[in-house]
Amino acid sequence: MSKPVIQFIKGVDELTVPDVSLTRSRDQTNGVAIFVFDQPSIFDSSRDLGEITGFYMIDEEGTLQSVDVSAKFVNGKPSKIEARFVMRTLREWDRFMRFMERYANQNNLGFVKK
């Protein structure tokens, strides 16, 4: 069983644990997860490894991916990465939640409902 990981370049695990925000529609058919990585480790090595190609959440079930990734800059230097993952069906929501449960357990993340 492989450990759950997040990658921005395939084959290169992101070491920084993100803040994650979830929203879900009232009828619970779709939702959005927003991941914010403050000073992600990929900034340290992306020049050597290539460009960020997307947002990949990988676990024992396979890969969830998104291309909705943006970098935030402060004084001309990259400081954050924000990635959005949109879930359009209940099946996608359930699959995402299984990934997040594994990822949270691996990285000691908690859940706070607002």
N, C-alpha and C. Protein backbone atom coordinates (compact mmCIF):
# COMPACT_ATOMS: atom_id res chain seq x y z
N MET A 1 0.85 -1.19 0.00
CA MET A 1 0.00 0.00 0.00
C MET A 1 0.89 1.24 0.00
N SER A 2 0.71 2.11 -0.99
CA SER A 2 1.53 3.30 -1.09
C SER A 2 0.97 4.43 -0.24
N LYS A 3 1.86 5.26 0.26
CA LYS A 3 1.40 6.38 1.07
C LYS A 3 0.80 7.45 0.16
N PRO A 4 -0.21 8.16 0.63
CA PRO A 4 -0.81 9.22 -0.17
C PRO A 4 0.14 10.41 -0.28
N VAL A 5 0.27 10.95 -1.49
CA VAL A 5 1.17 12.08 -1.73
C VAL A 5 0.49 13.10 -2.65
N ILE A 6 1.02 14.31 -2.60
CA ILE A 6 0.63 15.36 -3.53
C ILE A 6 1.86 15.74 -4.33
N GLN A 7 1.67 15.95 -5.64
CA GLN A 7 2.76 16.32 -6.51
C GLN A 7 2.32 17.46 -7.44
N PHE A 8 3.27 18.31 -7.81
CA PHE A 8 3.05 19.33 -8.83
C PHE A 8 3.79 18.98 -10.12
N ILE A 9 4.85 18.19 -9.97
CA ILE A 9 5.60 17.62 -11.08
C ILE A 9 5.55 16.12 -10.86
N LYS A 10 5.08 15.38 -11.85
CA LYS A 10 4.94 13.93 -11.66
C LYS A 10 6.26 13.31 -11.22
N GLY A 11 6.17 12.53 -10.16
CA GLY A 11 7.34 11.85 -9.62
C GLY A 11 8.05 12.61 -8.52
N VAL A 12 7.62 13.85 -8.23
CA VAL A 12 8.28 14.66 -7.21
C VAL A 12 7.25 15.01 -6.12
N ASP A 13 7.37 14.37 -4.96
CA ASP A 13 6.43 14.59 -3.87
C ASP A 13 6.59 15.98 -3.27
N GLU A 14 5.46 16.65 -3.02
CA GLU A 14 5.46 17.93 -2.32
C GLU A 14 5.54 17.65 -0.83
N LEU A 15 6.52 18.24 -0.16
CA LEU A 15 6.75 17.98 1.26
C LEU A 15 5.96 18.91 2.17
N THR A 16 5.58 20.08 1.67
CA THR A 16 4.83 21.04 2.47
C THR A 16 3.38 20.58 2.58
N VAL A 17 2.87 20.55 3.81
CA VAL A 17 1.48 20.16 4.04
C VAL A 17 0.61 21.41 3.88
N PRO A 18 -0.44 21.32 3.05
CA PRO A 18 -1.25 22.50 2.75
C PRO A 18 -2.35 22.77 3.77
N ASP A 19 -2.89 24.00 3.72
CA ASP A 19 -4.18 24.29 4.34
C ASP A 19 -5.21 23.94 3.27
N VAL A 20 -6.27 23.25 3.68
CA VAL A 20 -7.28 22.81 2.73
C VAL A 20 -8.64 23.35 3.15
N SER A 21 -9.35 23.97 2.21
CA SER A 21 -10.71 24.45 2.45
C SER A 21 -11.65 23.69 1.53
N LEU A 22 -12.78 23.26 2.08
CA LEU A 22 -13.78 22.53 1.30
C LEU A 22 -15.09 23.27 1.30
N THR A 23 -15.73 23.31 0.15
CA THR A 23 -17.09 23.82 0.06
C THR A 23 -17.90 22.78 -0.71
N ARG A 24 -19.20 22.74 -0.40
CA ARG A 24 -20.07 21.78 -1.05
C ARG A 24 -21.41 22.44 -1.32
N SER A 25 -22.02 22.10 -2.44
CA SER A 25 -23.31 22.69 -2.79
C SER A 25 -24.39 22.22 -1.82
N ARG A 26 -25.47 22.99 -1.74
CA ARG A 26 -26.55 22.63 -0.82
C ARG A 26 -27.14 21.26 -1.12
N ASP A 27 -27.24 20.93 -2.40
CA ASP A 27 -27.79 19.61 -2.73
C ASP A 27 -26.74 18.50 -2.68
N GLN A 28 -25.52 18.87 -2.31
CA GLN A 28 -24.40 17.96 -2.08
C GLN A 28 -23.98 17.18 -3.32
N THR A 29 -24.27 17.72 -4.50
CA THR A 29 -23.88 17.02 -5.73
C THR A 29 -22.50 17.42 -6.21
N ASN A 30 -21.99 18.57 -5.78
CA ASN A 30 -20.65 18.97 -6.21
C ASN A 30 -19.97 19.77 -5.11
N GLY A 31 -18.67 19.93 -5.30
CA GLY A 31 -17.89 20.67 -4.30
C GLY A 31 -16.56 21.12 -4.86
N VAL A 32 -15.87 21.93 -4.07
CA VAL A 32 -14.56 22.45 -4.45
C VAL A 32 -13.63 22.34 -3.24
N ALA A 33 -12.42 21.87 -3.51
CA ALA A 33 -11.37 21.85 -2.50
C ALA A 33 -10.29 22.82 -2.94
N ILE A 34 -9.90 23.69 -2.04
CA ILE A 34 -8.83 24.65 -2.32
C ILE A 34 -7.65 24.34 -1.40
N PHE A 35 -6.52 24.09 -2.00
CA PHE A 35 -5.29 23.77 -1.28
C PHE A 35 -4.37 24.98 -1.36
N VAL A 36 -3.85 25.43 -0.21
CA VAL A 36 -2.89 26.53 -0.18
C VAL A 36 -1.61 26.02 0.46
N PHE A 37 -0.54 26.07 -0.31
CA PHE A 37 0.78 25.64 0.14
C PHE A 37 1.62 26.89 0.38
N ASP A 38 2.00 27.15 1.63
CA ASP A 38 2.85 28.29 1.97
C ASP A 38 4.30 27.86 1.88
N GLN A 39 5.08 28.50 1.03
CA GLN A 39 6.48 28.16 0.79
C GLN A 39 6.65 26.67 0.46
N PRO A 40 5.97 26.20 -0.60
CA PRO A 40 6.07 24.78 -0.94
C PRO A 40 7.48 24.37 -1.34
N SER A 41 7.81 23.13 -1.05
CA SER A 41 9.17 22.64 -1.33
C SER A 41 9.47 22.58 -2.83
N ILE A 42 8.44 22.52 -3.67
CA ILE A 42 8.68 22.46 -5.12
C ILE A 42 9.39 23.72 -5.61
N PHE A 43 9.23 24.85 -4.92
CA PHE A 43 9.94 26.06 -5.32
C PHE A 43 11.45 25.89 -5.18
N ASP A 44 11.88 25.05 -4.27
CA ASP A 44 13.31 24.83 -4.06
C ASP A 44 13.94 24.05 -5.20
N SER A 45 13.14 23.20 -5.87
CA SER A 45 13.73 22.30 -6.86
C SER A 45 13.14 22.40 -8.26
N SER A 46 12.14 23.25 -8.47
CA SER A 46 11.46 23.26 -9.76
C SER A 46 12.38 23.67 -10.92
N ARG A 47 13.38 24.48 -10.65
CA ARG A 47 14.31 24.86 -11.73
C ARG A 47 15.07 23.65 -12.24
N ASP A 48 15.43 22.75 -11.33
CA ASP A 48 16.18 21.55 -11.72
C ASP A 48 15.28 20.48 -12.33
N LEU A 49 14.02 20.44 -11.91
CA LEU A 49 13.14 19.33 -12.29
C LEU A 49 12.17 19.66 -13.42
N GLY A 50 12.03 20.92 -13.75
CA GLY A 50 11.11 21.31 -14.80
C GLY A 50 9.98 22.15 -14.25
N GLU A 51 8.98 22.38 -15.10
CA GLU A 51 7.86 23.23 -14.73
C GLU A 51 6.76 22.45 -14.02
N ILE A 52 5.99 23.17 -13.24
CA ILE A 52 4.81 22.59 -12.60
C ILE A 52 3.83 22.24 -13.71
N THR A 53 3.37 21.00 -13.71
CA THR A 53 2.50 20.52 -14.79
C THR A 53 1.06 20.34 -14.37
N GLY A 54 0.79 20.44 -13.08
CA GLY A 54 -0.58 20.25 -12.58
C GLY A 54 -0.55 19.97 -11.10
N PHE A 55 -1.66 19.48 -10.61
CA PHE A 55 -1.83 19.16 -9.20
C PHE A 55 -2.30 17.72 -9.14
N TYR A 56 -1.49 16.84 -8.54
CA TYR A 56 -1.75 15.41 -8.54
C TYR A 56 -1.86 14.90 -7.11
N MET A 57 -2.96 14.26 -6.80
CA MET A 57 -3.17 13.62 -5.51
C MET A 57 -3.14 12.12 -5.77
N ILE A 58 -2.14 11.44 -5.23
CA ILE A 58 -1.89 10.05 -5.58
C ILE A 58 -1.98 9.18 -4.33
N ASP A 59 -2.75 8.10 -4.44
CA ASP A 59 -2.84 7.13 -3.35
C ASP A 59 -3.03 5.74 -3.94
N GLU A 60 -3.37 4.78 -3.09
CA GLU A 60 -3.49 3.40 -3.52
C GLU A 60 -4.60 3.18 -4.55
N GLU A 61 -5.55 4.09 -4.65
CA GLU A 61 -6.64 3.95 -5.62
C GLU A 61 -6.29 4.54 -6.98
N GLY A 62 -5.25 5.36 -7.04
CA GLY A 62 -4.88 5.98 -8.30
C GLY A 62 -4.58 7.46 -8.13
N THR A 63 -4.88 8.25 -9.15
CA THR A 63 -4.53 9.67 -9.17
C THR A 63 -5.76 10.54 -9.42
N LEU A 64 -5.90 11.56 -8.59
CA LEU A 64 -6.86 12.64 -8.83
C LEU A 64 -6.02 13.81 -9.30
N GLN A 65 -6.49 14.56 -10.31
CA GLN A 65 -5.65 15.64 -10.81
C GLN A 65 -6.46 16.85 -11.23
N SER A 66 -5.77 17.98 -11.24
CA SER A 66 -6.34 19.25 -11.66
C SER A 66 -5.24 20.07 -12.32
N VAL A 67 -5.64 20.92 -13.24
CA VAL A 67 -4.67 21.86 -13.84
C VAL A 67 -4.91 23.27 -13.34
N ASP A 68 -5.85 23.43 -12.39
CA ASP A 68 -6.17 24.74 -11.82
C ASP A 68 -5.19 25.03 -10.69
N VAL A 69 -3.99 25.48 -11.07
CA VAL A 69 -2.90 25.73 -10.13
C VAL A 69 -2.35 27.13 -10.41
N SER A 70 -2.16 27.91 -9.35
CA SER A 70 -1.58 29.24 -9.53
C SER A 70 -0.56 29.53 -8.43
N ALA A 71 0.43 30.31 -8.78
CA ALA A 71 1.46 30.71 -7.82
C ALA A 71 1.22 32.15 -7.40
N LYS A 72 1.49 32.44 -6.14
CA LYS A 72 1.41 33.80 -5.60
C LYS A 72 2.83 34.29 -5.37
N PHE A 73 3.06 35.54 -5.74
CA PHE A 73 4.41 36.11 -5.61
C PHE A 73 4.42 37.28 -4.63
N VAL A 74 5.52 37.41 -3.89
CA VAL A 74 5.75 38.53 -3.00
C VAL A 74 7.13 39.09 -3.35
N ASN A 75 7.16 40.36 -3.69
CA ASN A 75 8.41 41.01 -4.10
C ASN A 75 9.11 40.25 -5.23
N GLY A 76 8.32 39.76 -6.16
CA GLY A 76 8.87 39.07 -7.32
C GLY A 76 9.33 37.65 -7.09
N LYS A 77 9.14 37.12 -5.88
CA LYS A 77 9.55 35.76 -5.57
C LYS A 77 8.32 34.92 -5.24
N PRO A 78 8.29 33.66 -5.67
CA PRO A 78 7.14 32.82 -5.38
C PRO A 78 7.03 32.54 -3.88
N SER A 79 5.80 32.63 -3.36
CA SER A 79 5.62 32.39 -1.92
C SER A 79 4.56 31.34 -1.63
N LYS A 80 3.58 31.19 -2.51
CA LYS A 80 2.49 30.24 -2.26
C LYS A 80 2.06 29.60 -3.56
N ILE A 81 1.49 28.43 -3.44
CA ILE A 81 0.79 27.80 -4.54
C ILE A 81 -0.63 27.54 -4.08
N GLU A 82 -1.59 27.88 -4.93
CA GLU A 82 -2.99 27.57 -4.66
C GLU A 82 -3.48 26.63 -5.75
N ALA A 83 -4.08 25.53 -5.35
CA ALA A 83 -4.62 24.56 -6.30
C ALA A 83 -6.09 24.32 -5.97
N ARG A 84 -6.90 24.23 -7.02
CA ARG A 84 -8.34 23.97 -6.86
C ARG A 84 -8.67 22.63 -7.50
N PHE A 85 -9.45 21.85 -6.77
CA PHE A 85 -9.93 20.57 -7.29
C PHE A 85 -11.45 20.60 -7.22
N VAL A 86 -12.10 20.49 -8.38
CA VAL A 86 -13.55 20.56 -8.46
C VAL A 86 -14.12 19.15 -8.56
N MET A 87 -15.13 18.89 -7.73
CA MET A 87 -15.82 17.60 -7.74
C MET A 87 -17.24 17.83 -8.24
N ARG A 88 -17.59 17.19 -9.35
CA ARG A 88 -18.87 17.45 -9.99
C ARG A 88 -19.92 16.38 -9.73
N THR A 89 -19.52 15.28 -9.09
CA THR A 89 -20.47 14.21 -8.79
C THR A 89 -20.24 13.71 -7.37
N LEU A 90 -21.21 13.02 -6.84
CA LEU A 90 -21.08 12.42 -5.51
C LEU A 90 -19.95 11.39 -5.51
N ARG A 91 -19.79 10.68 -6.61
CA ARG A 91 -18.71 9.69 -6.70
C ARG A 91 -17.33 10.37 -6.60
N GLU A 92 -17.15 11.50 -7.30
CA GLU A 92 -15.89 12.24 -7.21
C GLU A 92 -15.66 12.77 -5.80
N TRP A 93 -16.73 13.26 -5.16
CA TRP A 93 -16.63 13.75 -3.78
C TRP A 93 -16.16 12.63 -2.85
N ASP A 94 -16.81 11.47 -2.95
CA ASP A 94 -16.45 10.34 -2.09
C ASP A 94 -15.01 9.89 -2.33
N ARG A 95 -14.58 9.86 -3.58
CA ARG A 95 -13.21 9.46 -3.89
C ARG A 95 -12.21 10.47 -3.31
N PHE A 96 -12.51 11.76 -3.45
CA PHE A 96 -11.66 12.79 -2.88
C PHE A 96 -11.57 12.65 -1.35
N MET A 97 -12.70 12.40 -0.71
CA MET A 97 -12.70 12.28 0.76
C MET A 97 -11.88 11.07 1.21
N ARG A 98 -11.90 9.98 0.44
CA ARG A 98 -11.06 8.83 0.80
C ARG A 98 -9.58 9.21 0.70
N PHE A 99 -9.21 9.95 -0.36
CA PHE A 99 -7.82 10.41 -0.47
C PHE A 99 -7.47 11.29 0.72
N MET A 100 -8.34 12.26 1.03
CA MET A 100 -8.04 13.20 2.10
C MET A 100 -7.93 12.51 3.45
N GLU A 101 -8.73 11.50 3.69
CA GLU A 101 -8.63 10.77 4.96
C GLU A 101 -7.26 10.10 5.07
N ARG A 102 -6.81 9.48 4.00
CA ARG A 102 -5.49 8.84 4.01
C ARG A 102 -4.38 9.89 4.15
N TYR A 103 -4.50 10.99 3.38
CA TYR A 103 -3.48 12.05 3.42
C TYR A 103 -3.44 12.70 4.80
N ALA A 104 -4.60 12.95 5.38
CA ALA A 104 -4.68 13.56 6.71
C ALA A 104 -4.04 12.66 7.76
N ASN A 105 -4.33 11.38 7.70
CA ASN A 105 -3.74 10.45 8.66
C ASN A 105 -2.22 10.40 8.51
N GLN A 106 -1.74 10.42 7.29
CA GLN A 106 -0.29 10.37 7.02
C GLN A 106 0.42 11.64 7.53
N ASN A 107 -0.29 12.79 7.48
CA ASN A 107 0.35 14.08 7.78
C ASN A 107 -0.19 14.76 9.04
N ASN A 108 -0.91 14.03 9.86
CA ASN A 108 -1.44 14.55 11.13
C ASN A 108 -2.29 15.81 10.95
N LEU A 109 -3.16 15.79 9.95
CA LEU A 109 -4.07 16.91 9.72
C LEU A 109 -5.37 16.69 10.49
N GLY A 110 -5.99 17.78 10.89
CA GLY A 110 -7.29 17.72 11.55
C GLY A 110 -8.33 18.41 10.72
N PHE A 111 -9.59 18.29 11.12
CA PHE A 111 -10.72 18.89 10.40
C PHE A 111 -11.44 19.85 11.32
N VAL A 112 -11.66 21.07 10.85
CA VAL A 112 -12.39 22.07 11.62
C VAL A 112 -13.57 22.55 10.78
N LYS A 113 -14.78 22.35 11.27
CA LYS A 113 -15.97 22.78 10.54
C LYS A 113 -16.29 24.21 10.92
N LYS A 114 -16.51 25.05 9.89
CA LYS A 114 -16.82 26.47 10.16
C LYS A 114 -18.25 26.76 9.82
